[in-house]
Amino acid sequence: MAFTNYLMQSLIFGIVFYGYGLGLFGRLGASAALGLGSAVYLAQVMISRWWLSAFNFGPVEWLWRSLMYGRRPPIKSPRSGSHAAVAAA
């Protein structure tokens, strides 16, 4: 999920801070920028945790591996679905 999260942070903060988006660079104070950065980070942690409970890789990592190896690796995690219910019982 690291590459996926990196790209998402770049996209989110690019839209928030630069002219092609909201253009807030230099307009937000330090505490507001820290709050925004913390909120994005916490959201990514929660979404990544949810994603990895069902899948082996992040979406960008899966695409990267597919292109590098010339075949699609299994994206579904064996921990998801009915296997997780059996393992928990």
Protein backbone atom coordinates (compact mmCIF):
# COMPACT_ATOMS: atom_id res chain seq x y z
CA MET A 1 0.00 0.00 0.00
CA ALA A 2 2.98 2.35 0.30
CA PHE A 3 3.11 3.28 -3.39
CA THR A 4 -0.68 3.66 -3.56
CA ASN A 5 -0.69 5.88 -0.47
CA TYR A 6 2.20 7.97 -1.78
CA LEU A 7 0.43 8.59 -5.08
CA MET A 8 -2.85 9.39 -3.31
CA GLN A 9 -1.12 11.89 -0.98
CA SER A 10 0.51 13.55 -3.98
CA LEU A 11 -2.83 13.80 -5.75
CA ILE A 12 -4.78 15.03 -2.70
CA PHE A 13 -2.24 17.64 -1.63
CA GLY A 14 -1.61 18.72 -5.21
CA ILE A 15 -5.32 19.43 -5.58
CA VAL A 16 -5.50 21.19 -2.22
CA PHE A 17 -2.37 23.33 -2.44
CA TYR A 18 -1.58 24.07 -6.09
CA GLY A 19 -3.20 26.31 -8.69
CA TYR A 20 -4.84 23.51 -10.66
CA GLY A 21 -6.90 22.76 -7.54
CA LEU A 22 -7.85 24.90 -4.58
CA GLY A 23 -4.61 26.89 -4.58
CA LEU A 24 -4.23 27.01 -0.80
CA PHE A 25 -0.41 27.04 -0.77
CA GLY A 26 0.69 29.85 1.53
CA ARG A 27 -2.88 30.52 2.67
CA LEU A 28 -3.17 27.87 5.38
CA GLY A 29 -1.52 28.36 8.73
CA ALA A 30 0.76 25.74 10.22
CA SER A 31 -1.89 24.29 12.51
CA ALA A 32 -4.46 24.02 9.70
CA ALA A 33 -1.91 22.33 7.42
CA LEU A 34 -0.93 19.97 10.24
CA GLY A 35 -4.59 19.14 10.87
CA LEU A 36 -5.21 18.50 7.18
CA GLY A 37 -2.10 16.35 6.88
CA SER A 38 -3.03 14.37 9.98
CA ALA A 39 -6.59 13.84 8.73
CA VAL A 40 -5.37 12.55 5.36
CA TYR A 41 -2.83 10.28 7.08
CA LEU A 42 -5.41 8.81 9.47
CA ALA A 43 -7.89 8.29 6.63
CA GLN A 44 -5.20 6.47 4.65
CA VAL A 45 -4.34 4.25 7.61
CA MET A 46 -7.99 3.24 8.05
CA ILE A 47 -8.59 2.70 4.33
CA SER A 48 -5.31 0.74 3.97
CA ARG A 49 -6.19 -1.49 6.89
CA TRP A 50 -9.64 -2.18 5.44
CA TRP A 51 -8.19 -2.81 1.95
CA LEU A 52 -5.47 -5.18 3.15
CA SER A 53 -7.98 -7.22 5.14
CA ALA A 54 -9.43 -8.33 1.81
CA PHE A 55 -6.59 -8.00 -0.72
CA ASN A 56 -2.94 -9.03 -0.93
CA PHE A 57 -1.67 -5.78 -2.47
CA GLY A 58 -2.66 -2.19 -2.91
CA PRO A 59 -4.17 -1.41 -6.32
CA VAL A 60 -1.06 0.33 -7.66
CA GLU A 61 1.22 -2.38 -6.26
CA TRP A 62 -0.91 -5.04 -7.94
CA LEU A 63 -0.76 -3.19 -11.27
CA TRP A 64 3.01 -2.72 -10.89
CA ARG A 65 3.55 -6.43 -10.20
CA SER A 66 1.30 -7.38 -13.11
CA LEU A 67 3.33 -5.25 -15.50
CA MET A 68 6.69 -6.39 -14.11
CA TYR A 69 5.97 -10.13 -14.09
CA GLY A 70 3.83 -10.23 -17.23
CA ARG A 71 0.99 -12.00 -15.40
CA ARG A 72 -1.63 -11.00 -12.89
CA PRO A 73 -0.85 -12.12 -9.34
CA PRO A 74 -3.84 -13.13 -7.21
CA ILE A 75 -5.18 -9.96 -5.62
CA LYS A 76 -7.58 -11.62 -3.20
CA SER A 77 -6.25 -12.51 0.19
CA PRO A 78 -6.91 -16.04 1.49
CA ARG A 79 -7.81 -14.36 4.81
CA SER A 80 -10.91 -12.71 3.29
CA GLY A 81 -14.31 -14.24 2.70
CA SER A 82 -15.35 -17.59 4.13
CA HIS A 83 -11.79 -18.51 5.13
CA ALA A 84 -11.70 -15.66 7.66
CA ALA A 85 -14.93 -16.84 9.25
CA VAL A 86 -13.62 -20.41 9.52
CA ALA A 87 -10.29 -19.26 10.98
CA ALA A 88 -12.03 -17.09 13.56
CA ALA A 89 -14.27 -19.93 14.75
